[in-house]
Amino acid sequence: MKKIVVVLGILALFTVSKTQAQALGTNYKTAVGVKFWPGALTVKHFIKSDAALEGLVNFWDHGFRITGLYEFHGDINSAPGLKWYVGPGAHIGWYSDRYWHHDRYYEDGDASFGVDGVLGLEYKFKGAPIALSLDVNPYIEFLHGAYFDVWGGLGVKFAF
């Protein structure tokens, strides 16, 4: 996972010179980074001024998960650079080890699938290509019996 983060960071640095003016304001078009807890690589791209697509790839001891989110963004008028966001999504993943979770037992090779949501805040620093986010991600897992869970965390992204 560290190698992937380093490669994404290097690729992002090469694009800075072309998009520096936009990335140094309070808005950005695309950002790559990491999300802490449970740990994910993230890419966010604005398709409109108030809507973005975000992809997350999570790796953990028992497998991995890919999550896609459609996020609606809104400004918080009294705080330049601070936005709220909310939206739906879905995930799919696979287990690479036996795992017991929420009274469910997963075997090596079992799949996971579910619907996700996101609710959070994001702050883009003016004068720096850095965006921080804090969110919660509730989801419903469907395979192996339906159950509800919540995760989320702090995201640090490099904007360009």
Protein backbone atom coordinates (compact mmCIF):
# COMPACT_ATOMS: atom_id res chain seq x y z
CA MET A 1 0.00 0.00 0.00
CA LYS A 2 2.87 2.39 0.73
CA LYS A 3 4.18 1.95 -2.82
CA ILE A 4 0.78 2.88 -4.26
CA VAL A 5 0.60 6.02 -2.10
CA VAL A 6 4.12 7.05 -3.20
CA VAL A 7 3.30 6.50 -6.89
CA LEU A 8 0.07 8.52 -6.59
CA GLY A 9 1.96 11.29 -4.82
CA ILE A 10 4.62 11.47 -7.52
CA LEU A 11 2.01 11.55 -10.29
CA ALA A 12 0.18 14.34 -8.48
CA LEU A 13 3.38 16.37 -8.18
CA PHE A 14 3.96 16.24 -11.94
CA THR A 15 0.56 17.84 -12.57
CA VAL A 16 1.02 20.68 -10.08
CA SER A 17 2.69 23.10 -12.46
CA LYS A 18 -0.23 22.99 -14.90
CA THR A 19 -2.98 23.43 -12.34
CA GLN A 20 -1.26 25.38 -9.57
CA ALA A 21 -3.45 28.48 -9.81
CA GLN A 22 -6.67 26.55 -9.29
CA ALA A 23 -5.26 24.27 -6.61
CA LEU A 24 -4.02 27.22 -4.56
CA GLY A 25 -7.50 28.75 -4.29
CA THR A 26 -10.35 27.45 -2.13
CA ASN A 27 -11.66 25.14 -4.88
CA TYR A 28 -10.12 22.34 -6.90
CA LYS A 29 -11.05 19.99 -9.75
CA THR A 30 -9.31 16.73 -8.72
CA ALA A 31 -7.56 15.48 -5.59
CA VAL A 32 -5.79 12.28 -4.55
CA GLY A 33 -4.93 11.21 -1.04
CA VAL A 34 -5.45 8.90 1.88
CA LYS A 35 -8.25 8.42 4.36
CA PHE A 36 -7.45 7.30 7.88
CA TRP A 37 -9.76 4.81 9.58
CA PRO A 38 -10.23 2.28 8.29
CA GLY A 39 -7.56 3.27 5.77
CA ALA A 40 -8.12 3.95 2.08
CA LEU A 41 -6.64 5.52 -1.02
CA THR A 42 -9.00 8.13 -2.40
CA VAL A 43 -9.53 10.07 -5.63
CA LYS A 44 -12.12 12.83 -5.84
CA HIS A 45 -13.11 14.63 -9.06
CA PHE A 46 -15.64 17.44 -9.37
CA ILE A 47 -17.96 16.95 -12.34
CA LYS A 48 -19.86 20.16 -11.54
CA SER A 49 -19.15 23.00 -9.14
CA ASP A 50 -21.46 21.37 -6.57
CA ALA A 51 -21.07 17.63 -7.37
CA ALA A 52 -18.13 15.23 -7.23
CA LEU A 53 -17.35 11.56 -7.77
CA GLU A 54 -15.12 9.91 -5.17
CA GLY A 55 -13.51 6.51 -5.36
CA LEU A 56 -12.03 4.72 -2.37
CA VAL A 57 -9.90 1.59 -2.27
CA ASN A 58 -9.56 0.02 1.17
CA PHE A 59 -7.02 -2.65 2.05
CA TRP A 60 -7.09 -4.42 5.39
CA ASP A 61 -5.88 -7.66 6.95
CA HIS A 62 -8.83 -9.67 5.62
CA GLY A 63 -9.23 -8.34 2.05
CA PHE A 64 -10.08 -5.18 0.15
CA ARG A 65 -13.05 -3.06 -0.87
CA ILE A 66 -13.73 -0.60 -3.71
CA THR A 67 -16.29 2.13 -2.98
CA GLY A 68 -17.78 4.69 -5.35
CA LEU A 69 -19.63 7.78 -4.06
CA TYR A 70 -21.61 10.57 -5.73
CA GLU A 71 -21.31 13.65 -3.51
CA PHE A 72 -23.39 16.82 -3.45
CA HIS A 73 -21.30 19.77 -2.13
CA GLY A 74 -22.38 23.06 -0.64
CA ASP A 75 -20.48 26.09 0.63
CA ILE A 76 -20.61 27.21 4.23
CA ASN A 77 -20.86 30.98 3.66
CA SER A 78 -19.20 32.12 6.89
CA ALA A 79 -16.12 29.93 6.30
CA PRO A 80 -14.33 30.29 2.92
CA GLY A 81 -12.84 26.98 1.83
CA LEU A 82 -15.20 24.91 4.01
CA LYS A 83 -17.87 22.79 2.32
CA TRP A 84 -20.40 20.21 3.48
CA TYR A 85 -21.10 17.13 1.38
CA VAL A 86 -23.58 14.28 1.32
CA GLY A 87 -24.34 11.50 -1.12
CA PRO A 88 -25.05 7.88 -2.04
CA GLY A 89 -22.74 5.15 -3.28
CA ALA A 90 -22.00 1.44 -3.43
CA HIS A 91 -19.15 -0.93 -2.65
CA ILE A 92 -17.83 -4.32 -3.67
CA GLY A 93 -15.02 -6.26 -2.06
CA TRP A 94 -13.40 -9.62 -1.43
CA TYR A 95 -12.07 -11.37 1.63
CA SER A 96 -8.61 -12.94 1.46
CA ASP A 97 -8.81 -14.67 4.82
CA ARG A 98 -11.36 -16.15 7.19
CA TYR A 99 -13.07 -13.34 9.06
CA TRP A 100 -15.78 -13.06 11.71
CA HIS A 101 -17.68 -9.75 11.59
CA HIS A 102 -21.11 -8.74 12.93
CA ASP A 103 -22.12 -12.34 13.61
CA ARG A 104 -21.16 -13.21 10.01
CA TYR A 105 -18.41 -15.61 9.05
CA TYR A 106 -16.54 -14.96 5.81
CA GLU A 107 -14.37 -17.53 4.07
CA ASP A 108 -11.33 -16.87 1.92
CA GLY A 109 -12.62 -15.64 -1.47
CA ASP A 110 -16.06 -14.52 -0.26
CA ALA A 111 -17.41 -11.31 -1.79
CA SER A 112 -19.03 -8.33 -0.14
CA PHE A 113 -21.52 -5.95 -1.73
CA GLY A 114 -23.61 -3.11 -0.38
CA VAL A 115 -24.92 0.43 -0.61
CA ASP A 116 -23.13 3.32 1.03
CA GLY A 117 -23.75 6.88 2.07
CA VAL A 118 -21.49 9.74 3.08
CA LEU A 119 -21.94 12.88 5.19
CA GLY A 120 -19.02 15.17 5.90
CA LEU A 121 -17.09 18.41 5.87
CA GLU A 122 -14.12 19.32 3.69
CA TYR A 123 -11.73 22.24 4.02
CA LYS A 124 -9.50 23.35 1.14
CA PHE A 125 -6.61 25.51 2.31
CA LYS A 126 -6.22 28.73 0.32
CA GLY A 127 -2.64 29.09 -0.90
CA ALA A 128 -1.84 25.38 -0.54
CA PRO A 129 -2.88 22.34 -2.63
CA ILE A 130 -4.17 20.52 0.47
CA ALA A 131 -7.75 19.52 1.35
CA LEU A 132 -8.81 17.92 4.64
CA SER A 133 -12.07 16.05 5.12
CA LEU A 134 -13.92 14.50 8.03
CA ASP A 135 -16.90 12.26 7.34
CA VAL A 136 -19.07 9.31 8.32
CA ASN A 137 -19.93 6.53 5.87
CA PRO A 138 -22.91 4.38 6.83
CA TYR A 139 -23.40 1.27 4.72
CA ILE A 140 -25.64 -1.76 4.40
CA GLU A 141 -23.95 -5.04 3.50
CA PHE A 142 -26.14 -7.50 1.54
CA LEU A 143 -24.19 -10.70 1.00
CA HIS A 144 -24.06 -13.26 3.84
CA GLY A 145 -27.13 -11.70 5.48
CA ALA A 146 -27.88 -7.99 5.57
CA TYR A 147 -26.34 -5.82 8.27
CA PHE A 148 -25.74 -2.12 8.89
CA ASP A 149 -22.43 -0.55 9.92
CA VAL A 150 -20.75 2.86 9.97
CA TRP A 151 -17.18 3.90 9.26
CA GLY A 152 -15.57 7.14 8.24
CA GLY A 153 -12.56 9.18 9.08
CA LEU A 154 -10.10 11.93 8.33
CA GLY A 155 -8.97 12.40 4.74
CA VAL A 156 -5.88 14.25 3.54
CA LYS A 157 -5.80 15.00 -0.19
CA PHE A 158 -3.41 16.70 -2.60
CA ALA A 159 -5.49 18.94 -4.90
CA PHE A 160 -4.64 19.80 -8.49
